[in-house]
Amino acid sequence: MNVPEDVSFKEVFDPLGTRGLQVFHATPEILKAGKITMTIKRHGVGEGKGNGQKALPFAKATEADGWLYVSGQTPMRDGEVVGNGIVEQSRIAIENMLKIVEDAGYTAADIMRIGVWLDDARDFWSFNGVFEEYFSENPPARACVQSSMVVDCKVEVDCIAFRKA
């Protein structure tokens, strides 16, 4: 589905948080049943490029009720992995993530949690050094795991940010 980033949809969620159908308005039955409605904005749909400049089938970020969920970012520029070594690739991946955060109107201080995937667990301390350069003043919660990468890179990061709407 091609959705321009300035188009908002309403999605219905039941009280347990399972995803419902996309709707354009909340019916009285939905409200009476205790279900809530929120507006979800999708940032950068169709803008992400993978290897060979192929468009990626997901949003760079989604936003609802003050929450921003940023998709995983790798050390890519113009659809190609760049950077040599974990330090340079970590900087590029974090900067790619922060650009999406800032383009959505948030700041690094609004980031609540960051997820980190490292191709090699031995890169943990080198990554931490780069991470501290960006987040020492307002450190978010963080998870870091070792995982094989889908693209030929050493690191991927995503985040969740919040600011009062």
Protein backbone atom coordinates (compact mmCIF):
# COMPACT_ATOMS: atom_id res chain seq x y z
CA MET A 1 0.00 0.00 0.00
CA ASN A 2 1.48 3.40 -0.94
CA VAL A 3 0.61 5.91 1.77
CA PRO A 4 1.94 9.48 1.63
CA GLU A 5 3.58 10.46 4.92
CA ASP A 6 1.10 13.31 5.53
CA VAL A 7 -1.92 10.98 5.49
CA SER A 8 -3.18 9.76 8.85
CA PHE A 9 -5.31 6.66 9.39
CA LYS A 10 -7.18 5.58 12.45
CA GLU A 11 -6.52 2.07 13.62
CA VAL A 12 -8.61 0.28 16.21
CA PHE A 13 -6.99 -1.65 19.06
CA ASP A 14 -8.84 -3.79 21.56
CA PRO A 15 -8.02 -3.44 25.27
CA LEU A 16 -5.50 -6.31 25.09
CA GLY A 17 -3.54 -4.55 22.37
CA THR A 18 -4.10 -6.94 19.49
CA ARG A 19 -4.21 -5.15 16.19
CA GLY A 20 -7.60 -4.51 14.64
CA LEU A 21 -8.63 -3.34 11.21
CA GLN A 22 -7.80 0.06 9.76
CA VAL A 23 -10.87 2.27 9.90
CA PHE A 24 -11.50 5.90 9.08
CA HIS A 25 -13.72 6.66 12.06
CA ALA A 26 -14.71 5.10 15.38
CA THR A 27 -18.24 3.73 15.39
CA PRO A 28 -20.41 4.00 18.51
CA GLU A 29 -20.19 0.19 18.82
CA ILE A 30 -16.38 0.34 19.00
CA LEU A 31 -16.45 3.08 21.62
CA LYS A 32 -19.17 1.29 23.64
CA ALA A 33 -17.18 -1.95 23.55
CA GLY A 34 -14.32 -0.21 25.34
CA LYS A 35 -12.03 -0.12 22.34
CA ILE A 36 -9.90 2.95 21.78
CA THR A 37 -8.99 4.78 18.63
CA MET A 38 -5.76 6.58 17.85
CA THR A 39 -4.42 8.38 14.84
CA ILE A 40 -1.31 6.78 13.40
CA LYS A 41 1.03 8.72 11.14
CA ARG A 42 3.52 6.90 8.96
CA HIS A 43 6.78 8.71 8.18
CA GLY A 44 8.89 8.02 5.09
CA VAL A 45 6.74 5.33 3.47
CA GLY A 46 8.45 4.26 0.26
CA GLU A 47 11.47 6.50 0.91
CA GLY A 48 13.73 3.82 2.37
CA LYS A 49 16.04 2.22 -0.16
CA GLY A 50 17.71 -1.15 0.08
CA ASN A 51 20.52 -2.60 -1.98
CA GLY A 52 20.17 -1.68 -5.64
CA GLN A 53 17.95 1.30 -4.80
CA LYS A 54 14.91 -0.96 -4.34
CA ALA A 55 12.16 0.70 -2.27
CA LEU A 56 11.57 -0.93 1.11
CA PRO A 57 7.98 -1.96 1.97
CA PHE A 58 7.70 -0.29 5.38
CA ALA A 59 7.63 3.12 7.03
CA LYS A 60 10.81 4.68 8.39
CA ALA A 61 8.77 5.43 11.53
CA THR A 62 5.23 5.37 12.85
CA GLU A 63 3.79 7.86 15.33
CA ALA A 64 0.73 7.80 17.60
CA ASP A 65 -0.29 9.67 20.76
CA GLY A 66 3.20 11.12 21.29
CA TRP A 67 5.02 7.82 20.66
CA LEU A 68 7.44 7.39 17.76
CA TYR A 69 8.63 3.94 16.66
CA VAL A 70 11.65 4.09 14.34
CA SER A 71 12.41 1.13 12.06
CA GLY A 72 15.83 -0.51 12.26
CA GLN A 73 18.60 1.57 10.72
CA THR A 74 21.81 0.19 9.28
CA PRO A 75 24.91 2.04 8.08
CA MET A 76 23.43 2.73 4.64
CA ARG A 77 23.60 5.77 2.40
CA ASP A 78 21.72 5.83 -0.89
CA GLY A 79 20.83 2.15 -0.55
CA GLU A 80 24.39 0.92 -0.05
CA VAL A 81 26.16 -0.19 3.13
CA VAL A 82 29.02 2.18 3.89
CA GLY A 83 31.70 2.49 6.52
CA ASN A 84 34.61 0.33 7.50
CA GLY A 85 34.59 -1.21 10.94
CA ILE A 86 32.19 -1.14 13.84
CA VAL A 87 32.98 2.42 14.98
CA GLU A 88 32.25 4.09 11.65
CA GLN A 89 29.24 1.88 10.92
CA SER A 90 27.82 2.54 14.40
CA ARG A 91 28.04 6.31 13.88
CA ILE A 92 26.29 6.09 10.49
CA ALA A 93 23.51 3.81 11.79
CA ILE A 94 22.89 6.04 14.84
CA GLU A 95 22.94 9.19 12.69
CA ASN A 96 20.44 7.60 10.27
CA MET A 97 18.16 6.82 13.23
CA LEU A 98 18.53 10.31 14.72
CA LYS A 99 17.70 11.94 11.36
CA ILE A 100 14.37 10.10 11.28
CA VAL A 101 13.70 11.08 14.92
CA GLU A 102 14.44 14.75 14.15
CA ASP A 103 12.50 14.75 10.85
CA ALA A 104 9.46 13.61 12.88
CA GLY A 105 9.88 16.57 15.25
CA TYR A 106 11.48 14.71 18.17
CA THR A 107 14.96 15.03 19.70
CA ALA A 108 17.54 12.58 21.00
CA ALA A 109 16.39 13.52 24.52
CA ASP A 110 12.92 12.14 23.65
CA ILE A 111 14.29 8.65 22.95
CA MET A 112 13.06 6.22 25.61
CA ARG A 113 14.59 2.96 24.35
CA ILE A 114 17.08 1.82 21.73
CA GLY A 115 17.44 -1.68 20.34
CA VAL A 116 20.88 -2.72 19.06
CA TRP A 117 21.84 -5.71 16.94
CA LEU A 118 25.53 -6.47 16.55
CA ASP A 119 26.84 -8.95 14.02
CA ASP A 120 29.77 -9.79 16.30
CA ALA A 121 29.46 -9.73 20.10
CA ARG A 122 33.14 -8.74 20.33
CA ASP A 123 32.09 -5.31 18.98
CA PHE A 124 30.04 -4.58 22.13
CA TRP A 125 32.57 -2.28 23.83
CA SER A 126 33.46 -0.42 20.63
CA PHE A 127 29.75 0.17 20.00
CA ASN A 128 29.31 1.40 23.60
CA GLY A 129 32.00 4.02 23.03
CA VAL A 130 30.14 5.40 20.01
CA PHE A 131 26.76 5.12 21.78
CA GLU A 132 28.07 7.22 24.67
CA GLU A 133 29.09 10.01 22.24
CA TYR A 134 25.44 10.46 21.28
CA PHE A 135 23.52 9.58 24.45
CA SER A 136 25.67 10.41 27.51
CA GLU A 137 23.48 13.38 28.57
CA ASN A 138 20.11 11.61 28.23
CA PRO A 139 20.81 7.88 28.17
CA PRO A 140 17.78 5.82 27.09
CA ALA A 141 17.01 2.27 28.10
CA ARG A 142 18.70 -0.16 25.74
CA ALA A 143 18.83 -3.79 24.67
CA CYS A 144 21.79 -5.16 22.74
CA VAL A 145 21.94 -8.59 21.14
CA GLN A 146 24.20 -10.44 18.77
CA SER A 147 22.46 -11.42 15.55
CA SER A 148 23.22 -12.24 11.95
CA MET A 149 22.41 -9.26 9.76
CA VAL A 150 20.10 -9.35 6.75
CA VAL A 151 22.46 -6.99 4.93
CA ASP A 152 26.25 -7.11 5.00
CA CYS A 153 26.84 -4.75 7.93
CA LYS A 154 28.02 -4.89 11.51
CA VAL A 155 25.20 -3.06 13.35
CA GLU A 156 21.52 -2.12 13.27
CA VAL A 157 19.66 0.20 15.65
CA ASP A 158 16.02 1.13 16.20
CA CYS A 159 14.30 3.23 18.83
CA ILE A 160 11.12 4.30 20.56
CA ALA A 161 10.72 7.97 21.44
CA PHE A 162 8.03 9.87 23.34
CA ARG A 163 7.02 13.48 23.70
CA LYS A 164 3.82 14.86 25.10
CA ALA A 165 1.42 15.47 22.24
